[in-house]
PDB file of N, CA and C in Angstrom:
ATOM      1  N   MET A   1       0.887  -1.007  -0.069  1.00  0.00           N
ATOM      2  CA  MET A   1      -0.435   0.123  -0.294  1.00  0.00           C
ATOM      3  C   MET A   1       0.413   0.987  -0.691  1.00  0.00           C
ATOM      4  N   GLN A   2       2.299   1.006   0.086  1.00  0.00           N
ATOM      5  CA  GLN A   2       2.805   2.456   0.777  1.00  0.00           C
ATOM      6  C   GLN A   2       3.386   3.372  -0.664  1.00  0.00           C
ATOM      7  N   SER A   3       4.094   1.525  -1.591  1.00  0.00           N
ATOM      8  CA  SER A   3       3.845   1.701  -2.945  1.00  0.00           C
ATOM      9  C   SER A   3       3.069   2.856  -3.886  1.00  0.00           C
ATOM     10  N   THR A   4       1.888   2.414  -3.652  1.00  0.00           N
ATOM     11  CA  THR A   4       0.447   2.803  -4.135  1.00  0.00           C
ATOM     12  C   THR A   4       0.237   4.419  -3.597  1.00  0.00           C
ATOM     13  N   MET A   5       0.884   4.446  -2.292  1.00  0.00           N
ATOM     14  CA  MET A   5       0.306   5.476  -1.797  1.00  0.00           C
ATOM     15  C   MET A   5       1.058   6.477  -2.689  1.00  0.00           C
ATOM     16  N   LYS A   6       2.691   5.988  -2.425  1.00  0.00           N
ATOM     17  CA  LYS A   6       3.209   7.256  -2.707  1.00  0.00           C
ATOM     18  C   LYS A   6       3.107   7.658  -4.563  1.00  0.00           C
ATOM     19  N   ALA A   7       3.031   6.591  -5.846  1.00  0.00           N
ATOM     20  CA  ALA A   7       3.071   6.653  -7.101  1.00  0.00           C
ATOM     21  C   ALA A   7       1.821   7.364  -7.244  1.00  0.00           C
ATOM     22  N   LEU A   8       0.795   7.696  -6.011  1.00  0.00           N
ATOM     23  CA  LEU A   8      -0.637   8.351  -6.142  1.00  0.00           C
ATOM     24  C   LEU A   8       0.028  10.787  -5.970  1.00  0.00           C
ATOM     25  N   ALA A   9       0.893   9.878  -5.082  1.00  0.00           N
ATOM     26  CA  ALA A   9       1.658  11.228  -4.865  1.00  0.00           C
ATOM     27  C   ALA A   9       1.892  12.026  -5.400  1.00  0.00           C
ATOM     28  N   ASP A  10       1.854  11.900  -6.386  1.00  0.00           N
ATOM     29  CA  ASP A  10       2.287  12.772  -7.412  1.00  0.00           C
ATOM     30  C   ASP A  10       1.800  13.144  -8.410  1.00  0.00           C
ATOM     31  N   PRO A  11       1.377  14.389  -8.778  1.00  0.00           N
ATOM     32  CA  PRO A  11       0.398  15.236  -9.652  1.00  0.00           C
ATOM     33  C   PRO A  11       0.109  13.906 -11.376  1.00  0.00           C
ATOM     34  N   THR A  12       2.121  13.996 -11.919  1.00  0.00           N
ATOM     35  CA  THR A  12       2.279  13.868 -13.170  1.00  0.00           C
ATOM     36  C   THR A  12       1.261  12.016 -13.337  1.00  0.00           C
ATOM     37  N   ARG A  13       2.033  11.297 -12.097  1.00  0.00           N
ATOM     38  CA  ARG A  13       1.380  10.306 -12.643  1.00  0.00           C
ATOM     39  C   ARG A  13      -0.021   9.913 -12.702  1.00  0.00           C
ATOM     40  N   ARG A  14      -0.755  11.074 -11.517  1.00  0.00           N
ATOM     41  CA  ARG A  14      -1.794  10.849 -11.539  1.00  0.00           C
ATOM     42  C   ARG A  14      -2.702  10.910 -13.085  1.00  0.00           C
ATOM     43  N   GLU A  15      -1.726  11.963 -13.841  1.00  0.00           N
ATOM     44  CA  GLU A  15      -2.750  11.948 -14.715  1.00  0.00           C
ATOM     45  C   GLU A  15      -1.488  10.688 -15.799  1.00  0.00           C
ATOM     46  N   ILE A  16      -1.248  10.829 -16.101  1.00  0.00           N
ATOM     47  CA  ILE A  16      -0.510   9.210 -16.865  1.00  0.00           C
ATOM     48  C   ILE A  16      -2.129   8.172 -16.617  1.00  0.00           C
ATOM     49  N   LEU A  17      -2.704   7.943 -15.194  1.00  0.00           N
ATOM     50  CA  LEU A  17      -3.242   7.187 -14.903  1.00  0.00           C
ATOM     51  C   LEU A  17      -4.906   7.403 -15.427  1.00  0.00           C
ATOM     52  N   ASN A  18      -4.806   9.253 -15.414  1.00  0.00           N
ATOM     53  CA  ASN A  18      -6.078  10.060 -16.489  1.00  0.00           C
ATOM     54  C   ASN A  18      -6.272   9.002 -17.412  1.00  0.00           C
ATOM     55  N   LEU A  19      -5.001   9.703 -18.016  1.00  0.00           N
ATOM     56  CA  LEU A  19      -4.603   8.930 -19.624  1.00  0.00           C
ATOM     57  C   LEU A  19      -5.265   7.574 -19.813  1.00  0.00           C
ATOM     58  N   LEU A  20      -5.205   6.900 -18.718  1.00  0.00           N
ATOM     59  CA  LEU A  20      -5.006   5.147 -19.181  1.00  0.00           C
ATOM     60  C   LEU A  20      -6.185   4.664 -18.872  1.00  0.00           C
ATOM     61  N   LYS A  21      -7.497   5.487 -18.536  1.00  0.00           N
ATOM     62  CA  LYS A  21      -8.301   5.457 -18.031  1.00  0.00           C
ATOM     63  C   LYS A  21      -9.372   4.920 -19.542  1.00  0.00           C
ATOM     64  N   SER A  22      -8.928   5.719 -20.585  1.00  0.00           N
ATOM     65  CA  SER A  22      -9.954   5.085 -21.410  1.00  0.00           C
ATOM     66  C   SER A  22      -9.703   4.268 -22.671  1.00  0.00           C
ATOM     67  N   GLY A  23      -8.125   3.691 -22.117  1.00  0.00           N
ATOM     68  CA  GLY A  23      -7.769   2.520 -22.795  1.00  0.00           C
ATOM     69  C   GLY A  23      -6.298   1.776 -22.842  1.00  0.00           C
ATOM     70  N   ARG A  24      -5.260   1.229 -22.970  1.00  0.00           N
ATOM     71  CA  ARG A  24      -3.863   1.283 -23.300  1.00  0.00           C
ATOM     72  C   ARG A  24      -4.291   2.662 -24.730  1.00  0.00           C
ATOM     73  N   ARG A  25      -2.488   2.607 -23.507  1.00  0.00           N
ATOM     74  CA  ARG A  25      -1.501   3.230 -24.470  1.00  0.00           C
ATOM     75  C   ARG A  25       0.040   2.960 -24.884  1.00  0.00           C
ATOM     76  N   ALA A  26       0.346   3.715 -26.552  1.00  0.00           N
ATOM     77  CA  ALA A  26       1.802   2.862 -26.130  1.00  0.00           C
ATOM     78  C   ALA A  26       2.636   4.346 -24.698  1.00  0.00           C
ATOM     79  N   ALA A  27       3.604   3.850 -24.834  1.00  0.00           N
ATOM     80  CA  ALA A  27       4.510   4.765 -23.972  1.00  0.00           C
ATOM     81  C   ALA A  27       4.847   6.239 -24.913  1.00  0.00           C
ATOM     82  N   GLY A  28       5.613   5.752 -26.350  1.00  0.00           N
ATOM     83  CA  GLY A  28       5.522   7.229 -26.650  1.00  0.00           C
ATOM     84  C   GLY A  28       4.535   8.111 -27.054  1.00  0.00           C
ATOM     85  N   GLU A  29       2.904   8.061 -26.887  1.00  0.00           N
ATOM     86  CA  GLU A  29       1.645   8.974 -26.759  1.00  0.00           C
ATOM     87  C   GLU A  29       1.336   8.538 -25.485  1.00  0.00           C
ATOM     88  N   ILE A  30       2.266   8.163 -24.743  1.00  0.00           N
ATOM     89  CA  ILE A  30       2.076   8.934 -22.947  1.00  0.00           C
ATOM     90  C   ILE A  30       2.609  10.002 -22.849  1.00  0.00           C
ATOM     91  N   ALA A  31       3.506   9.648 -23.844  1.00  0.00           N
ATOM     92  CA  ALA A  31       5.146  10.858 -23.348  1.00  0.00           C
ATOM     93  C   ALA A  31       4.744  12.363 -24.300  1.00  0.00           C
ATOM     94  N   GLU A  32       3.578  12.238 -25.269  1.00  0.00           N
ATOM     95  CA  GLU A  32       3.427  13.511 -26.301  1.00  0.00           C
ATOM     96  C   GLU A  32       2.234  14.211 -25.562  1.00  0.00           C
ATOM     97  N   HIS A  33       2.140  13.383 -24.032  1.00  0.00           N
ATOM     98  CA  HIS A  33       0.575  14.834 -23.437  1.00  0.00           C
ATOM     99  C   HIS A  33       2.078  15.687 -22.028  1.00  0.00           C
ATOM    100  N   PHE A  34       2.920  15.663 -21.966  1.00  0.00           N
ATOM    101  CA  PHE A  34       4.118  15.835 -21.777  1.00  0.00           C
ATOM    102  C   PHE A  34       5.005  16.212 -21.947  1.00  0.00           C
ATOM    103  N   THR A  35       5.513  17.633 -21.552  1.00  0.00           N
ATOM    104  CA  THR A  35       6.344  18.387 -21.563  1.00  0.00           C
ATOM    105  C   THR A  35       8.129  17.883 -21.284  1.00  0.00           C
ATOM    106  N   MET A  36       7.688  17.127 -21.071  1.00  0.00           N
ATOM    107  CA  MET A  36       9.337  16.592 -20.160  1.00  0.00           C
ATOM    108  C   MET A  36       9.970  15.181 -20.822  1.00  0.00           C
ATOM    109  N   SER A  37      10.809  15.142 -20.807  1.00  0.00           N
ATOM    110  CA  SER A  37      11.840  14.511 -21.656  1.00  0.00           C
ATOM    111  C   SER A  37      10.892  12.764 -21.463  1.00  0.00           C
ATOM    112  N   ALA A  38      11.080  11.725 -22.880  1.00  0.00           N
ATOM    113  CA  ALA A  38      10.722  10.856 -22.639  1.00  0.00           C
ATOM    114  C   ALA A  38      11.023   9.784 -21.321  1.00  0.00           C
ATOM    115  N   PRO A  39      12.344   9.898 -21.148  1.00  0.00           N
ATOM    116  CA  PRO A  39      13.128   9.163 -20.020  1.00  0.00           C
ATOM    117  C   PRO A  39      12.683   9.431 -18.311  1.00  0.00           C
ATOM    118  N   ALA A  40      11.864  11.176 -18.529  1.00  0.00           N
ATOM    119  CA  ALA A  40      11.304  11.399 -17.031  1.00  0.00           C
ATOM    120  C   ALA A  40       9.877  10.613 -16.256  1.00  0.00           C
ATOM    121  N   VAL A  41       9.348  11.068 -18.295  1.00  0.00           N
ATOM    122  CA  VAL A  41       7.849  10.188 -19.057  1.00  0.00           C
ATOM    123  C   VAL A  41       7.964   8.417 -17.876  1.00  0.00           C
ATOM    124  N   SER A  42       9.238   7.762 -19.078  1.00  0.00           N
ATOM    125  CA  SER A  42       9.254   6.435 -18.518  1.00  0.00           C
ATOM    126  C   SER A  42       9.799   5.915 -16.798  1.00  0.00           C
ATOM    127  N   LYS A  43      10.662   6.846 -16.583  1.00  0.00           N
ATOM    128  CA  LYS A  43      10.424   6.729 -14.307  1.00  0.00           C
ATOM    129  C   LYS A  43       9.207   6.833 -14.368  1.00  0.00           C
ATOM    130  N   HIS A  44       8.013   7.826 -14.228  1.00  0.00           N
ATOM    131  CA  HIS A  44       7.227   7.255 -13.919  1.00  0.00           C
ATOM    132  C   HIS A  44       6.233   6.994 -14.401  1.00  0.00           C
ATOM    133  N   LEU A  45       6.729   6.139 -15.188  1.00  0.00           N
ATOM    134  CA  LEU A  45       6.138   5.002 -15.809  1.00  0.00           C
ATOM    135  C   LEU A  45       6.542   3.759 -14.566  1.00  0.00           C
ATOM    136  N   ASN A  46       7.582   3.122 -14.667  1.00  0.00           N
ATOM    137  CA  ASN A  46       7.621   2.218 -13.925  1.00  0.00           C
ATOM    138  C   ASN A  46       7.268   2.981 -12.366  1.00  0.00           C
ATOM    139  N   ILE A  47       7.477   3.518 -11.623  1.00  0.00           N
ATOM    140  CA  ILE A  47       6.849   3.845 -10.616  1.00  0.00           C
ATOM    141  C   ILE A  47       5.479   3.472 -10.088  1.00  0.00           C
ATOM    142  N   LEU A  48       5.103   3.837 -11.507  1.00  0.00           N
ATOM    143  CA  LEU A  48       3.300   3.345 -11.233  1.00  0.00           C
ATOM    144  C   LEU A  48       3.030   2.351 -11.805  1.00  0.00           C
ATOM    145  N   LYS A  49       4.502   0.899 -12.519  1.00  0.00           N
ATOM    146  CA  LYS A  49       4.537  -0.588 -12.908  1.00  0.00           C
ATOM    147  C   LYS A  49       5.044  -1.543 -11.187  1.00  0.00           C
ATOM    148  N   GLU A  50       6.075  -0.284 -10.205  1.00  0.00           N
ATOM    149  CA  GLU A  50       6.327  -0.873  -9.056  1.00  0.00           C
ATOM    150  C   GLU A  50       4.846  -1.198  -8.385  1.00  0.00           C
ATOM    151  N   ALA A  51       4.193  -0.089  -8.336  1.00  0.00           N
ATOM    152  CA  ALA A  51       3.044   0.037  -7.483  1.00  0.00           C
ATOM    153  C   ALA A  51       1.860  -0.645  -7.976  1.00  0.00           C
ATOM    154  N   GLU A  52       2.071  -1.532  -8.872  1.00  0.00           N
ATOM    155  CA  GLU A  52       1.424  -2.246 -10.087  1.00  0.00           C
ATOM    156  C   GLU A  52      -0.136  -1.676 -10.465  1.00  0.00           C
ATOM    157  N   LEU A  53      -0.130  -0.187 -10.008  1.00  0.00           N
ATOM    158  CA  LEU A  53      -1.670   0.509 -10.788  1.00  0.00           C
ATOM    159  C   LEU A  53      -1.508   0.492 -11.829  1.00  0.00           C
ATOM    160  N   ILE A  54      -0.482   0.309 -12.787  1.00  0.00           N
ATOM    161  CA  ILE A  54      -0.119  -0.041 -14.643  1.00  0.00           C
ATOM    162  C   ILE A  54       0.547  -1.668 -14.955  1.00  0.00           C
ATOM    163  N   ARG A  55      -0.157  -1.969 -15.710  1.00  0.00           N
ATOM    164  CA  ARG A  55       0.663  -2.721 -16.885  1.00  0.00           C
ATOM    165  C   ARG A  55       1.270  -2.829 -17.803  1.00  0.00           C
ATOM    166  N   ASP A  56       2.407  -3.593 -18.125  1.00  0.00           N
ATOM    167  CA  ASP A  56       2.743  -2.760 -19.647  1.00  0.00           C
ATOM    168  C   ASP A  56       2.775  -4.722 -20.684  1.00  0.00           C
ATOM    169  N   CYS A  57       3.061  -4.629 -21.882  1.00  0.00           N
ATOM    170  CA  CYS A  57       3.063  -5.219 -22.707  1.00  0.00           C
ATOM    171  C   CYS A  57       3.614  -5.200 -24.213  1.00  0.00           C
ATOM    172  N   ARG A  58       4.478  -6.157 -24.402  1.00  0.00           N
ATOM    173  CA  ARG A  58       4.630  -5.279 -25.536  1.00  0.00           C
ATOM    174  C   ARG A  58       4.668  -6.348 -27.334  1.00  0.00           C
ATOM    175  N   ALA A  59       4.381  -5.442 -27.564  1.00  0.00           N
ATOM    176  CA  ALA A  59       3.887  -5.346 -29.070  1.00  0.00           C
ATOM    177  C   ALA A  59       5.463  -5.604 -30.036  1.00  0.00           C
ATOM    178  N   GLY A  60       6.183  -6.491 -30.541  1.00  0.00           N
ATOM    179  CA  GLY A  60       6.511  -6.028 -31.505  1.00  0.00           C
ATOM    180  C   GLY A  60       8.181  -4.677 -30.826  1.00  0.00           C
ATOM    181  N   LYS A  61       8.601  -3.202 -31.185  1.00  0.00           N
ATOM    182  CA  LYS A  61       9.391  -2.958 -30.357  1.00  0.00           C
ATOM    183  C   LYS A  61       8.417  -1.272 -29.601  1.00  0.00           C
ATOM    184  N   HIS A  62       6.936  -1.518 -29.734  1.00  0.00           N
ATOM    185  CA  HIS A  62       5.983  -0.876 -28.490  1.00  0.00           C
ATOM    186  C   HIS A  62       6.487  -1.261 -27.639  1.00  0.00           C
ATOM    187  N   VAL A  63       5.871  -0.396 -26.724  1.00  0.00           N
ATOM    188  CA  VAL A  63       5.993  -1.202 -25.359  1.00  0.00           C
ATOM    189  C   VAL A  63       4.510   0.045 -25.133  1.00  0.00           C
ATOM    190  N   TYR A  64       3.250  -1.310 -24.563  1.00  0.00           N
ATOM    191  CA  TYR A  64       1.571  -0.445 -23.834  1.00  0.00           C
ATOM    192  C   TYR A  64       2.040  -0.258 -22.491  1.00  0.00           C
ATOM    193  N   TYR A  65       0.772   0.172 -22.160  1.00  0.00           N
ATOM    194  CA  TYR A  65       0.626   0.081 -21.013  1.00  0.00           C
ATOM    195  C   TYR A  65      -1.329   0.385 -20.495  1.00  0.00           C
ATOM    196  N   GLU A  66      -1.711  -0.352 -19.525  1.00  0.00           N
ATOM    197  CA  GLU A  66      -2.756  -0.457 -19.246  1.00  0.00           C
ATOM    198  C   GLU A  66      -3.001   0.363 -18.047  1.00  0.00           C
ATOM    199  N   LEU A  67      -4.205   0.166 -17.165  1.00  0.00           N
ATOM    200  CA  LEU A  67      -4.305   0.693 -15.445  1.00  0.00           C
ATOM    201  C   LEU A  67      -4.698  -0.861 -15.447  1.00  0.00           C
ATOM    202  N   ASN A  68      -3.792  -1.096 -13.548  1.00  0.00           N
ATOM    203  CA  ASN A  68      -4.868  -2.421 -13.255  1.00  0.00           C
ATOM    204  C   ASN A  68      -5.548  -2.211 -12.407  1.00  0.00           C
ATOM    205  N   THR A  69      -6.952  -2.277 -12.238  1.00  0.00           N
ATOM    206  CA  THR A  69      -8.126  -1.689 -11.867  1.00  0.00           C
ATOM    207  C   THR A  69      -7.503  -2.435 -10.713  1.00  0.00           C
ATOM    208  N   SER A  70      -7.628  -3.688 -10.687  1.00  0.00           N
ATOM    209  CA  SER A  70      -6.805  -4.513  -9.337  1.00  0.00           C
ATOM    210  C   SER A  70      -7.263  -3.703  -7.973  1.00  0.00           C
ATOM    211  N   VAL A  71      -5.869  -3.435  -7.948  1.00  0.00           N
ATOM    212  CA  VAL A  71      -5.567  -2.078  -7.077  1.00  0.00           C
ATOM    213  C   VAL A  71      -5.641  -1.404  -6.814  1.00  0.00           C
ATOM    214  N   LEU A  72      -6.706  -0.262  -8.040  1.00  0.00           N
ATOM    215  CA  LEU A  72      -7.156   0.825  -6.958  1.00  0.00           C
ATOM    216  C   LEU A  72      -8.393   0.231  -6.544  1.00  0.00           C
ATOM    217  N   GLU A  73      -9.119  -0.218  -6.750  1.00  0.00           N
ATOM    218  CA  GLU A  73      -9.490  -1.076  -6.411  1.00  0.00           C
ATOM    219  C   GLU A  73      -9.945  -1.357  -4.100  1.00  0.00           C
ATOM    220  N   GLU A  74      -8.370  -1.755  -4.386  1.00  0.00           N
ATOM    221  CA  GLU A  74      -8.062  -1.978  -3.970  1.00  0.00           C
ATOM    222  C   GLU A  74      -7.830  -0.869  -2.594  1.00  0.00           C
ATOM    223  N   VAL A  75      -7.420   0.270  -2.959  1.00  0.00           N
ATOM    224  CA  VAL A  75      -7.544   1.274  -2.423  1.00  0.00           C
ATOM    225  C   VAL A  75      -8.382   2.170  -1.951  1.00  0.00           C
ATOM    226  N   LEU A  76      -9.498   2.031  -2.804  1.00  0.00           N
ATOM    227  CA  LEU A  76     -10.569   2.589  -2.029  1.00  0.00           C
ATOM    228  C   LEU A  76     -11.855   1.309  -1.457  1.00  0.00           C
ATOM    229  N   LEU A  77     -11.643   0.237  -0.984  1.00  0.00           N
ATOM    230  CA  LEU A  77     -11.736  -0.669  -0.680  1.00  0.00           C
ATOM    231  C   LEU A  77     -11.757   0.027   0.910  1.00  0.00           C
ATOM    232  N   TRP A  78     -10.008  -0.355   0.455  1.00  0.00           N
ATOM    233  CA  TRP A  78      -9.074   0.867   2.377  1.00  0.00           C
ATOM    234  C   TRP A  78     -10.035   1.931   2.876  1.00  0.00           C
ATOM    235  N   ILE A  79     -10.147   2.710   1.285  1.00  0.00           N
ATOM    236  CA  ILE A  79     -10.246   3.987   2.159  1.00  0.00           C
ATOM    237  C   ILE A  79     -11.704   4.093   2.117  1.00  0.00           C
ATOM    238  N   THR A  80     -12.943   3.543   1.833  1.00  0.00           N
ATOM    239  CA  THR A  80     -14.253   3.350   2.071  1.00  0.00           C
ATOM    240  C   THR A  80     -14.815   2.787   3.941  1.00  0.00           C
ATOM    241  N   GLU A  81     -13.464   1.855   3.812  1.00  0.00           N
ATOM    242  CA  GLU A  81     -13.259   1.465   5.206  1.00  0.00           C
ATOM    243  C   GLU A  81     -12.959   1.966   6.248  1.00  0.00           C
ATOM    244  N   LEU A  82     -11.639   3.333   6.156  1.00  0.00           N
ATOM    245  CA  LEU A  82     -11.190   3.918   6.973  1.00  0.00           C
ATOM    246  C   LEU A  82     -12.312   4.734   7.200  1.00  0.00           C
ATOM    247  N   LYS A  83     -13.647   5.162   6.174  1.00  0.00           N
ATOM    248  CA  LYS A  83     -14.482   6.188   6.608  1.00  0.00           C
ATOM    249  C   LYS A  83     -15.455   5.542   7.326  1.00  0.00           C
ATOM    250  N   GLY A  84     -15.743   4.016   7.575  1.00  0.00           N
ATOM    251  CA  GLY A  84     -17.228   3.904   8.345  1.00  0.00           C
ATOM    252  C   GLY A  84     -17.838   3.809   7.868  1.00  0.00           C
ATOM    253  N   GLU A  85     -17.742   3.461   6.620  1.00  0.00           N
ATOM    254  CA  GLU A  85     -19.111   2.979   5.567  1.00  0.00           C
ATOM    255  C   GLU A  85     -18.898   2.057   5.231  1.00  0.00           C
TER     256      GLU A  85
END
């Protein structure tokens, strides 16, 4: 849970998650949405992957990323329980 919260704390990573909610995207397509370098975006993607918030798959020379909704559901469940609902 700690790595998940750390990953969610960054606004860039939250924006990446927002981009992925409409479906899987190539790494380059994600990087196009930001003014930072591709390696910087890659670092954010790796942090999200380590927190298991996203998954990646390779297709040829492209890497595609998609949300891992099961981890997000666990976080929402924990927050709901914390609120006492």
